[in-house]
């Protein structure tokens, strides 16, 4: 029986010298990658604590001459961050909920209900992935500005973010592929017990799909949180703009350190979200790569 092959053989690791070299190299590589990822974060956080002259100084200083947190308090007040952060939370939460409900329902229908011409519908949905997002901006804007049939404008309304977010072909396909891999005998057992399609989805499919639902949730929230062009077009009212647009619109007469502080504050929710749900993200990716 052949063993698993690695870069370092077990015989080398069995020797003290080989173990010492291995762990030294391993620790050095981990520290190097950690430094590469964490140093930009450190530079941004400390940059907000420097004076404007220190930020523009060449060569730059690793530490501020004087630790000053007034940049964060000024950013919080001058750039109206609570208002714009709340706008972003509302827009992201609504887009996430709409996307989770409708994409899950569509993916379940295509995967388990197998409607007529389901493959044609799926092919049409996937074909939209080949269309550049920029090419859809003008048609989306015309639809949102004058909604067909009811002729209502959704400009300056969160629905202008929520409704287009539902049409996410990638997340729908991700959910369908996961549903395709669910054990058939479990679903058949639920059907034998008298569970209908909706009850099977709610009580069997969704609890088993927590990993992929976590991945889809992260994708949906991050997409709205970092989007700039579409919110800029549909929100002309400054008080209703999300944080991504407000940072640009309000940065003309703001000191650089205050702007950096505002960027740090704006990035905290997404970093926290990733740290909290990183286990679900990894589980969802690994679950989607193997057949259950």
C-alpha atoms as a PDB file:
ATOM      1  CA  UNK A   1       0.000   0.000   0.000  1.00  0.00           C
ATOM      2  CA  UNK A   2       1.490   3.317  -1.070  1.00  0.00           C
ATOM      3  CA  UNK A   3       1.648   6.083   1.500  1.00  0.00           C
ATOM      4  CA  UNK A   4       0.876   9.736   1.041  1.00  0.00           C
ATOM      5  CA  UNK A   5       3.722  11.625  -0.579  1.00  0.00           C
ATOM      6  CA  UNK A   6       4.775  14.954   0.915  1.00  0.00           C
ATOM      7  CA  UNK A   7       7.502  17.510   0.320  1.00  0.00           C
ATOM      8  CA  UNK A   8       9.355  16.255   3.397  1.00  0.00           C
ATOM      9  CA  UNK A   9       9.688  12.526   3.980  1.00  0.00           C
ATOM     10  CA  UNK A  10       8.799  10.981   7.374  1.00  0.00           C
ATOM     11  CA  UNK A  11      12.413   9.829   7.683  1.00  0.00           C
ATOM     12  CA  UNK A  12      13.664  13.421   7.549  1.00  0.00           C
ATOM     13  CA  UNK A  13      11.045  14.569  10.066  1.00  0.00           C
ATOM     14  CA  UNK A  14      12.083  11.787  12.404  1.00  0.00           C
ATOM     15  CA  UNK A  15      15.527  13.345  12.801  1.00  0.00           C
ATOM     16  CA  UNK A  16      15.903  16.333  15.181  1.00  0.00           C
ATOM     17  CA  UNK A  17      17.788  18.349  12.562  1.00  0.00           C
ATOM     18  CA  UNK A  18      15.123  17.700   9.924  1.00  0.00           C
ATOM     19  CA  UNK A  19      12.326  18.655  12.346  1.00  0.00           C
ATOM     20  CA  UNK A  20      14.094  21.858  13.326  1.00  0.00           C
ATOM     21  CA  UNK A  21      14.620  22.907   9.693  1.00  0.00           C
ATOM     22  CA  UNK A  22      11.048  22.002   8.766  1.00  0.00           C
ATOM     23  CA  UNK A  23       9.435  23.997  11.586  1.00  0.00           C
ATOM     24  CA  UNK A  24      11.794  26.927  11.045  1.00  0.00           C
ATOM     25  CA  UNK A  25      10.872  27.159   7.370  1.00  0.00           C
ATOM     26  CA  UNK A  26       7.180  26.576   8.100  1.00  0.00           C
ATOM     27  CA  UNK A  27       7.081  29.283  10.792  1.00  0.00           C
ATOM     28  CA  UNK A  28       8.968  31.718   8.566  1.00  0.00           C
ATOM     29  CA  UNK A  29       6.550  31.208   5.667  1.00  0.00           C
ATOM     30  CA  UNK A  30       3.490  31.626   7.925  1.00  0.00           C
ATOM     31  CA  UNK A  31       4.911  34.813   9.452  1.00  0.00           C
ATOM     32  CA  UNK A  32       5.756  36.158   6.004  1.00  0.00           C
ATOM     33  CA  UNK A  33       2.223  35.621   4.709  1.00  0.00           C
ATOM     34  CA  UNK A  34       0.732  37.031   7.918  1.00  0.00           C
ATOM     35  CA  UNK A  35       2.898  40.126   7.572  1.00  0.00           C
ATOM     36  CA  UNK A  36       1.907  40.546   3.909  1.00  0.00           C
ATOM     37  CA  UNK A  37      -1.785  40.465   4.781  1.00  0.00           C
ATOM     38  CA  UNK A  38      -1.768  42.321   8.104  1.00  0.00           C
ATOM     39  CA  UNK A  39       0.681  45.117   7.319  1.00  0.00           C
ATOM     40  CA  UNK A  40      -1.736  47.008   4.985  1.00  0.00           C
ATOM     41  CA  UNK A  41      -4.360  46.835   7.737  1.00  0.00           C
ATOM     42  CA  UNK A  42      -1.881  48.135  10.294  1.00  0.00           C
ATOM     43  CA  UNK A  43      -0.776  50.905   7.921  1.00  0.00           C
ATOM     44  CA  UNK A  44      -4.350  52.050   7.362  1.00  0.00           C
ATOM     45  CA  UNK A  45      -5.311  51.965  11.065  1.00  0.00           C
ATOM     46  CA  UNK A  46      -2.207  53.876  12.187  1.00  0.00           C
ATOM     47  CA  UNK A  47      -2.404  56.248   9.223  1.00  0.00           C
ATOM     48  CA  UNK A  48      -5.619  57.671  10.638  1.00  0.00           C
ATOM     49  CA  UNK A  49      -3.747  58.463  13.871  1.00  0.00           C
ATOM     50  CA  UNK A  50      -1.053  60.519  12.150  1.00  0.00           C
ATOM     51  CA  UNK A  51      -1.076  64.158  11.173  1.00  0.00           C
ATOM     52  CA  UNK A  52      -1.483  65.036   7.468  1.00  0.00           C
ATOM     53  CA  UNK A  53       2.235  65.938   7.312  1.00  0.00           C
ATOM     54  CA  UNK A  54       3.214  62.543   8.706  1.00  0.00           C
ATOM     55  CA  UNK A  55       1.063  60.718   6.152  1.00  0.00           C
ATOM     56  CA  UNK A  56       2.757  62.582   3.284  1.00  0.00           C
ATOM     57  CA  UNK A  57       6.240  62.240   4.755  1.00  0.00           C
ATOM     58  CA  UNK A  58       8.930  60.492   2.672  1.00  0.00           C
ATOM     59  CA  UNK A  59      10.209  58.039   3.749  1.00  0.00           C
ATOM     60  CA  UNK A  60       7.138  57.144   5.809  1.00  0.00           C
ATOM     61  CA  UNK A  61       7.255  56.432   9.547  1.00  0.00           C
ATOM     62  CA  UNK A  62       6.065  53.111  10.849  1.00  0.00           C
ATOM     63  CA  UNK A  63       4.756  54.695  14.050  1.00  0.00           C
ATOM     64  CA  UNK A  64       2.987  58.030  14.502  1.00  0.00           C
ATOM     65  CA  UNK A  65       4.931  60.724  16.314  1.00  0.00           C
ATOM     66  CA  UNK A  66       1.877  61.211  18.481  1.00  0.00           C
ATOM     67  CA  UNK A  67      -0.995  58.755  18.806  1.00  0.00           C
ATOM     68  CA  UNK A  68      -4.148  60.749  18.121  1.00  0.00           C
ATOM     69  CA  UNK A  69      -7.604  59.203  17.710  1.00  0.00           C
ATOM     70  CA  UNK A  70      -9.332  62.446  16.774  1.00  0.00           C
ATOM     71  CA  UNK A  71      -9.332  61.350  13.132  1.00  0.00           C
ATOM     72  CA  UNK A  72     -11.830  58.620  13.954  1.00  0.00           C
ATOM     73  CA  UNK A  73     -14.127  60.902  15.946  1.00  0.00           C
ATOM     74  CA  UNK A  74     -13.963  63.566  13.242  1.00  0.00           C
ATOM     75  CA  UNK A  75     -14.774  60.997  10.548  1.00  0.00           C
ATOM     76  CA  UNK A  76     -17.712  59.704  12.585  1.00  0.00           C
ATOM     77  CA  UNK A  77     -19.202  63.192  12.924  1.00  0.00           C
ATOM     78  CA  UNK A  78     -18.114  65.164   9.825  1.00  0.00           C
ATOM     79  CA  UNK A  79     -18.872  62.420   7.286  1.00  0.00           C
ATOM     80  CA  UNK A  80     -22.147  61.368   8.957  1.00  0.00           C
ATOM     81  CA  UNK A  81     -20.985  57.774   9.133  1.00  0.00           C
ATOM     82  CA  UNK A  82     -23.861  56.489  11.327  1.00  0.00           C
ATOM     83  CA  UNK A  83     -26.420  57.545   8.694  1.00  0.00           C
ATOM     84  CA  UNK A  84     -24.532  56.087   5.749  1.00  0.00           C
ATOM     85  CA  UNK A  85     -23.601  52.905   7.586  1.00  0.00           C
ATOM     86  CA  UNK A  86     -27.258  52.370   8.463  1.00  0.00           C
ATOM     87  CA  UNK A  87     -28.237  52.964   4.820  1.00  0.00           C
ATOM     88  CA  UNK A  88     -25.702  50.346   3.777  1.00  0.00           C
ATOM     89  CA  UNK A  89     -26.947  47.856   6.378  1.00  0.00           C
ATOM     90  CA  UNK A  90     -30.550  48.282   5.189  1.00  0.00           C
ATOM     91  CA  UNK A  91     -29.591  47.888   1.536  1.00  0.00           C
ATOM     92  CA  UNK A  92     -27.307  44.909   2.149  1.00  0.00           C
ATOM     93  CA  UNK A  93     -29.760  43.145   4.468  1.00  0.00           C
ATOM     94  CA  UNK A  94     -32.650  43.543   2.033  1.00  0.00           C
ATOM     95  CA  UNK A  95     -30.586  42.339  -0.922  1.00  0.00           C
ATOM     96  CA  UNK A  96     -29.400  39.368   1.136  1.00  0.00           C
ATOM     97  CA  UNK A  97     -32.940  38.410   2.188  1.00  0.00           C
ATOM     98  CA  UNK A  98     -34.414  38.771  -1.316  1.00  0.00           C
ATOM     99  CA  UNK A  99     -31.535  36.854  -2.841  1.00  0.00           C
ATOM    100  CA  UNK A 100     -31.637  34.073  -0.281  1.00  0.00           C
ATOM    101  CA  UNK A 101     -35.393  33.548  -0.654  1.00  0.00           C
ATOM    102  CA  UNK A 102     -35.737  33.745  -4.441  1.00  0.00           C
ATOM    103  CA  UNK A 103     -32.418  32.164  -5.454  1.00  0.00           C
ATOM    104  CA  UNK A 104     -32.993  29.276  -3.037  1.00  0.00           C
ATOM    105  CA  UNK A 105     -36.521  28.733  -4.353  1.00  0.00           C
ATOM    106  CA  UNK A 106     -35.375  28.864  -7.986  1.00  0.00           C
ATOM    107  CA  UNK A 107     -32.401  26.575  -7.358  1.00  0.00           C
ATOM    108  CA  UNK A 108     -34.587  24.055  -5.499  1.00  0.00           C
ATOM    109  CA  UNK A 109     -37.132  24.087  -8.311  1.00  0.00           C
ATOM    110  CA  UNK A 110     -34.482  23.520 -10.992  1.00  0.00           C
ATOM    111  CA  UNK A 111     -32.689  20.854  -8.956  1.00  0.00           C
ATOM    112  CA  UNK A 112     -35.482  18.806  -7.384  1.00  0.00           C
ATOM    113  CA  UNK A 113     -38.778  19.696  -9.053  1.00  0.00           C
ATOM    114  CA  UNK A 114     -37.272  19.384 -12.542  1.00  0.00           C
ATOM    115  CA  UNK A 115     -39.779  21.541 -14.486  1.00  0.00           C
ATOM    116  CA  UNK A 116     -40.248  21.301 -18.235  1.00  0.00           C
ATOM    117  CA  UNK A 117     -37.453  23.051 -20.134  1.00  0.00           C
ATOM    118  CA  UNK A 118     -35.592  23.436 -16.847  1.00  0.00           C
ATOM    119  CA  UNK A 119     -32.220  22.976 -18.543  1.00  0.00           C
ATOM    120  CA  UNK A 120     -33.084  25.648 -21.086  1.00  0.00           C
ATOM    121  CA  UNK A 121     -34.015  28.063 -18.297  1.00  0.00           C
ATOM    122  CA  UNK A 122     -30.795  27.235 -16.441  1.00  0.00           C
ATOM    123  CA  UNK A 123     -28.778  27.750 -19.616  1.00  0.00           C
ATOM    124  CA  UNK A 124     -30.383  31.146 -20.135  1.00  0.00           C
ATOM    125  CA  UNK A 125     -29.606  32.117 -16.547  1.00  0.00           C
ATOM    126  CA  UNK A 126     -25.970  31.051 -16.867  1.00  0.00           C
ATOM    127  CA  UNK A 127     -25.670  32.881 -20.184  1.00  0.00           C
ATOM    128  CA  UNK A 128     -26.104  36.148 -18.292  1.00  0.00           C
ATOM    129  CA  UNK A 129     -22.747  35.502 -16.619  1.00  0.00           C
ATOM    130  CA  UNK A 130     -21.071  36.159 -19.973  1.00  0.00           C
ATOM    131  CA  UNK A 131     -22.580  39.654 -20.204  1.00  0.00           C
ATOM    132  CA  UNK A 132     -20.342  42.343 -18.614  1.00  0.00           C
ATOM    133  CA  UNK A 133     -21.972  43.975 -15.613  1.00  0.00           C
ATOM    134  CA  UNK A 134     -21.281  47.424 -17.077  1.00  0.00           C
ATOM    135  CA  UNK A 135     -23.393  46.588 -20.131  1.00  0.00           C
ATOM    136  CA  UNK A 136     -26.438  46.042 -17.914  1.00  0.00           C
ATOM    137  CA  UNK A 137     -26.201  49.318 -15.995  1.00  0.00           C
ATOM    138  CA  UNK A 138     -28.155  51.460 -18.480  1.00  0.00           C
ATOM    139  CA  UNK A 139     -31.009  48.931 -19.038  1.00  0.00           C
ATOM    140  CA  UNK A 140     -31.302  48.412 -15.278  1.00  0.00           C
ATOM    141  CA  UNK A 141     -31.426  52.141 -14.675  1.00  0.00           C
ATOM    142  CA  UNK A 142     -34.166  52.651 -17.275  1.00  0.00           C
ATOM    143  CA  UNK A 143     -36.221  49.885 -15.697  1.00  0.00           C
ATOM    144  CA  UNK A 144     -35.739  51.202 -12.175  1.00  0.00           C
ATOM    145  CA  UNK A 145     -36.464  54.802 -13.200  1.00  0.00           C
ATOM    146  CA  UNK A 146     -39.779  53.786 -14.790  1.00  0.00           C
ATOM    147  CA  UNK A 147     -40.927  50.382 -13.594  1.00  0.00           C
ATOM    148  CA  UNK A 148     -42.863  48.595 -16.368  1.00  0.00           C
ATOM    149  CA  UNK A 149     -46.628  48.164 -16.060  1.00  0.00           C
ATOM    150  CA  UNK A 150     -46.991  50.235 -12.887  1.00  0.00           C
ATOM    151  CA  UNK A 151     -44.786  53.139 -14.120  1.00  0.00           C
ATOM    152  CA  UNK A 152     -43.284  53.883 -10.710  1.00  0.00           C
ATOM    153  CA  UNK A 153     -39.797  55.203 -10.073  1.00  0.00           C
ATOM    154  CA  UNK A 154     -37.632  53.320  -7.575  1.00  0.00           C
ATOM    155  CA  UNK A 155     -34.862  55.921  -7.530  1.00  0.00           C
ATOM    156  CA  UNK A 156     -33.741  56.846  -4.001  1.00  0.00           C
ATOM    157  CA  UNK A 157     -35.495  53.710  -2.763  1.00  0.00           C
ATOM    158  CA  UNK A 158     -33.801  50.606  -1.297  1.00  0.00           C
ATOM    159  CA  UNK A 159     -35.865  48.486  -3.704  1.00  0.00           C
ATOM    160  CA  UNK A 160     -33.573  49.781  -6.460  1.00  0.00           C
ATOM    161  CA  UNK A 161     -30.811  47.776  -4.766  1.00  0.00           C
ATOM    162  CA  UNK A 162     -32.870  44.818  -3.585  1.00  0.00           C
ATOM    163  CA  UNK A 163     -34.671  43.836  -6.784  1.00  0.00           C
ATOM    164  CA  UNK A 164     -31.671  43.788  -9.198  1.00  0.00           C
ATOM    165  CA  UNK A 165     -29.692  41.838  -6.587  1.00  0.00           C
ATOM    166  CA  UNK A 166     -32.167  38.948  -6.882  1.00  0.00           C
ATOM    167  CA  UNK A 167     -30.974  38.210 -10.430  1.00  0.00           C
ATOM    168  CA  UNK A 168     -27.692  36.637  -9.335  1.00  0.00           C
ATOM    169  CA  UNK A 169     -26.925  33.760 -11.670  1.00  0.00           C
ATOM    170  CA  UNK A 170     -23.740  32.709  -9.866  1.00  0.00           C
ATOM    171  CA  UNK A 171     -25.362  32.257  -6.458  1.00  0.00           C
ATOM    172  CA  UNK A 172     -28.331  30.484  -8.029  1.00  0.00           C
ATOM    173  CA  UNK A 173     -26.024  28.040  -9.807  1.00  0.00           C
ATOM    174  CA  UNK A 174     -24.008  27.531  -6.617  1.00  0.00           C
ATOM    175  CA  UNK A 175     -27.171  26.628  -4.716  1.00  0.00           C
ATOM    176  CA  UNK A 176     -28.427  24.323  -7.483  1.00  0.00           C
ATOM    177  CA  UNK A 177     -25.137  22.410  -7.611  1.00  0.00           C
ATOM    178  CA  UNK A 178     -25.291  21.911  -3.860  1.00  0.00           C
ATOM    179  CA  UNK A 179     -28.911  20.740  -3.989  1.00  0.00           C
ATOM    180  CA  UNK A 180     -27.978  18.284  -6.750  1.00  0.00           C
ATOM    181  CA  UNK A 181     -25.470  16.655  -4.398  1.00  0.00           C
ATOM    182  CA  UNK A 182     -27.841  16.125  -1.467  1.00  0.00           C
ATOM    183  CA  UNK A 183     -28.462  12.443  -0.653  1.00  0.00           C
ATOM    184  CA  UNK A 184     -31.476  11.285  -2.622  1.00  0.00           C
ATOM    185  CA  UNK A 185     -32.473   8.657  -0.041  1.00  0.00           C
ATOM    186  CA  UNK A 186     -32.952  11.325   2.642  1.00  0.00           C
ATOM    187  CA  UNK A 187     -35.322  13.302   0.419  1.00  0.00           C
ATOM    188  CA  UNK A 188     -37.170  10.143  -0.607  1.00  0.00           C
ATOM    189  CA  UNK A 189     -37.568   9.175   3.060  1.00  0.00           C
ATOM    190  CA  UNK A 190     -39.140  12.568   3.747  1.00  0.00           C
ATOM    191  CA  UNK A 191     -41.496  12.051   0.818  1.00  0.00           C
ATOM    192  CA  UNK A 192     -42.489   8.617   2.128  1.00  0.00           C
ATOM    193  CA  UNK A 193     -43.256  10.180   5.522  1.00  0.00           C
ATOM    194  CA  UNK A 194     -45.721  12.487   3.788  1.00  0.00           C
ATOM    195  CA  UNK A 195     -43.671  15.676   3.587  1.00  0.00           C
ATOM    196  CA  UNK A 196     -44.620  17.889   0.675  1.00  0.00           C
ATOM    197  CA  UNK A 197     -42.206  19.817  -1.519  1.00  0.00           C
ATOM    198  CA  UNK A 198     -42.316  22.934   0.635  1.00  0.00           C
ATOM    199  CA  UNK A 199     -42.000  20.976   3.891  1.00  0.00           C
ATOM    200  CA  UNK A 200     -39.048  19.037   2.471  1.00  0.00           C
ATOM    201  CA  UNK A 201     -37.352  22.278   1.506  1.00  0.00           C
ATOM    202  CA  UNK A 202     -37.913  23.880   4.909  1.00  0.00           C
ATOM    203  CA  UNK A 203     -37.248  20.908   7.199  1.00  0.00           C
ATOM    204  CA  UNK A 204     -34.713  18.834   5.243  1.00  0.00           C
ATOM    205  CA  UNK A 205     -32.980  20.777   2.480  1.00  0.00           C
ATOM    206  CA  UNK A 206     -32.344  24.104   4.232  1.00  0.00           C
ATOM    207  CA  UNK A 207     -30.863  22.611   7.456  1.00  0.00           C
ATOM    208  CA  UNK A 208     -28.526  20.466   5.334  1.00  0.00           C
ATOM    209  CA  UNK A 209     -27.585  23.481   3.215  1.00  0.00           C
ATOM    210  CA  UNK A 210     -26.282  25.753   5.955  1.00  0.00           C
ATOM    211  CA  UNK A 211     -22.694  25.776   4.607  1.00  0.00           C
ATOM    212  CA  UNK A 212     -23.645  26.884   1.100  1.00  0.00           C
ATOM    213  CA  UNK A 213     -26.234  29.323   2.452  1.00  0.00           C
ATOM    214  CA  UNK A 214     -23.445  30.886   4.493  1.00  0.00           C
ATOM    215  CA  UNK A 215     -21.289  31.250   1.390  1.00  0.00           C
ATOM    216  CA  UNK A 216     -24.137  32.776  -0.614  1.00  0.00           C
ATOM    217  CA  UNK A 217     -24.891  35.148   2.268  1.00  0.00           C
ATOM    218  CA  UNK A 218     -21.288  36.366   2.345  1.00  0.00           C
ATOM    219  CA  UNK A 219     -21.257  36.889  -1.424  1.00  0.00           C
ATOM    220  CA  UNK A 220     -24.565  38.769  -1.330  1.00  0.00           C
ATOM    221  CA  UNK A 221     -23.591  41.063   1.538  1.00  0.00           C
ATOM    222  CA  UNK A 222     -20.108  41.851   0.248  1.00  0.00           C
ATOM    223  CA  UNK A 223     -21.416  42.575  -3.270  1.00  0.00           C
ATOM    224  CA  UNK A 224     -23.789  45.246  -1.974  1.00  0.00           C
ATOM    225  CA  UNK A 225     -21.376  46.633   0.618  1.00  0.00           C
ATOM    226  CA  UNK A 226     -18.595  47.282  -1.885  1.00  0.00           C
ATOM    227  CA  UNK A 227     -20.720  48.313  -4.878  1.00  0.00           C
ATOM    228  CA  UNK A 228     -20.209  51.911  -5.970  1.00  0.00           C
ATOM    229  CA  UNK A 229     -21.453  52.603  -9.504  1.00  0.00           C
ATOM    230  CA  UNK A 230     -25.034  51.353  -9.142  1.00  0.00           C
ATOM    231  CA  UNK A 231     -25.797  53.086  -5.799  1.00  0.00           C
ATOM    232  CA  UNK A 232     -24.242  56.265  -7.184  1.00  0.00           C
ATOM    233  CA  UNK A 233     -26.709  56.202 -10.078  1.00  0.00           C
ATOM    234  CA  UNK A 234     -29.884  55.392  -8.153  1.00  0.00           C
ATOM    235  CA  UNK A 235     -29.309  57.470  -4.998  1.00  0.00           C
ATOM    236  CA  UNK A 236     -29.120  61.171  -5.770  1.00  0.00           C
ATOM    237  CA  UNK A 237     -30.297  61.995  -2.244  1.00  0.00           C
ATOM    238  CA  UNK A 238     -27.137  62.301  -0.121  1.00  0.00           C
ATOM    239  CA  UNK A 239     -28.922  61.239   3.069  1.00  0.00           C
ATOM    240  CA  UNK A 240     -29.853  57.890   1.486  1.00  0.00           C
ATOM    241  CA  UNK A 241     -26.472  56.999  -0.024  1.00  0.00           C
ATOM    242  CA  UNK A 242     -24.512  53.981   1.241  1.00  0.00           C
ATOM    243  CA  UNK A 243     -21.059  54.276   2.748  1.00  0.00           C
ATOM    244  CA  UNK A 244     -19.224  53.407  -0.486  1.00  0.00           C
ATOM    245  CA  UNK A 245     -20.737  56.403  -2.283  1.00  0.00           C
ATOM    246  CA  UNK A 246     -20.647  58.762   0.699  1.00  0.00           C
ATOM    247  CA  UNK A 247     -16.895  58.286   1.173  1.00  0.00           C
ATOM    248  CA  UNK A 248     -16.308  59.620  -2.329  1.00  0.00           C
ATOM    249  CA  UNK A 249     -18.974  62.319  -2.311  1.00  0.00           C
ATOM    250  CA  UNK A 250     -17.905  63.807   1.027  1.00  0.00           C
ATOM    251  CA  UNK A 251     -14.133  63.505   0.628  1.00  0.00           C
ATOM    252  CA  UNK A 252     -13.474  66.754  -1.281  1.00  0.00           C
ATOM    253  CA  UNK A 253     -12.973  69.037   1.725  1.00  0.00           C
ATOM    254  CA  UNK A 254     -11.929  66.387   4.248  1.00  0.00           C
ATOM    255  CA  UNK A 255      -8.402  65.881   5.570  1.00  0.00           C
ATOM    256  CA  UNK A 256      -6.636  62.754   4.357  1.00  0.00           C
ATOM    257  CA  UNK A 257      -6.310  61.319   7.870  1.00  0.00           C
ATOM    258  CA  UNK A 258     -10.041  61.742   8.453  1.00  0.00           C
ATOM    259  CA  UNK A 259     -10.787  60.019   5.156  1.00  0.00           C
ATOM    260  CA  UNK A 260      -8.492  57.132   6.088  1.00  0.00           C
ATOM    261  CA  UNK A 261     -10.265  56.833   9.441  1.00  0.00           C
ATOM    262  CA  UNK A 262     -13.625  56.729   7.668  1.00  0.00           C
ATOM    263  CA  UNK A 263     -12.353  53.939   5.405  1.00  0.00           C
ATOM    264  CA  UNK A 264     -11.191  51.968   8.444  1.00  0.00           C
ATOM    265  CA  UNK A 265     -14.593  52.314  10.114  1.00  0.00           C
ATOM    266  CA  UNK A 266     -16.383  51.354   6.885  1.00  0.00           C
ATOM    267  CA  UNK A 267     -14.321  48.172   6.550  1.00  0.00           C
ATOM    268  CA  UNK A 268     -14.902  46.938  10.105  1.00  0.00           C
ATOM    269  CA  UNK A 269     -18.351  45.326   9.488  1.00  0.00           C
ATOM    270  CA  UNK A 270     -17.114  43.232   6.556  1.00  0.00           C
ATOM    271  CA  UNK A 271     -13.957  42.136   8.397  1.00  0.00           C
ATOM    272  CA  UNK A 272     -16.043  41.180  11.430  1.00  0.00           C
ATOM    273  CA  UNK A 273     -18.502  39.322   9.216  1.00  0.00           C
ATOM    274  CA  UNK A 274     -15.702  37.303   7.659  1.00  0.00           C
ATOM    275  CA  UNK A 275     -14.119  36.474  11.017  1.00  0.00           C
ATOM    276  CA  UNK A 276     -17.444  35.300  12.427  1.00  0.00           C
ATOM    277  CA  UNK A 277     -18.473  33.202   9.424  1.00  0.00           C
ATOM    278  CA  UNK A 278     -15.103  32.024   8.112  1.00  0.00           C
ATOM    279  CA  UNK A 279     -15.807  28.485   9.326  1.00  0.00           C
ATOM    280  CA  UNK A 280     -19.045  28.392   7.334  1.00  0.00           C
ATOM    281  CA  UNK A 281     -17.293  29.775   4.249  1.00  0.00           C
ATOM    282  CA  UNK A 282     -14.636  27.052   4.323  1.00  0.00           C
ATOM    283  CA  UNK A 283     -17.276  24.389   5.030  1.00  0.00           C
ATOM    284  CA  UNK A 284     -19.413  25.609   2.137  1.00  0.00           C
ATOM    285  CA  UNK A 285     -16.522  25.600  -0.318  1.00  0.00           C
ATOM    286  CA  UNK A 286     -15.412  22.124   0.730  1.00  0.00           C
ATOM    287  CA  UNK A 287     -18.991  20.828   0.688  1.00  0.00           C
ATOM    288  CA  UNK A 288     -19.466  22.087  -2.850  1.00  0.00           C
ATOM    289  CA  UNK A 289     -16.345  20.286  -4.043  1.00  0.00           C
ATOM    290  CA  UNK A 290     -17.422  16.773  -3.027  1.00  0.00           C
ATOM    291  CA  UNK A 291     -20.523  14.811  -3.722  1.00  0.00           C
ATOM    292  CA  UNK A 292     -22.562  13.978  -0.616  1.00  0.00           C
END
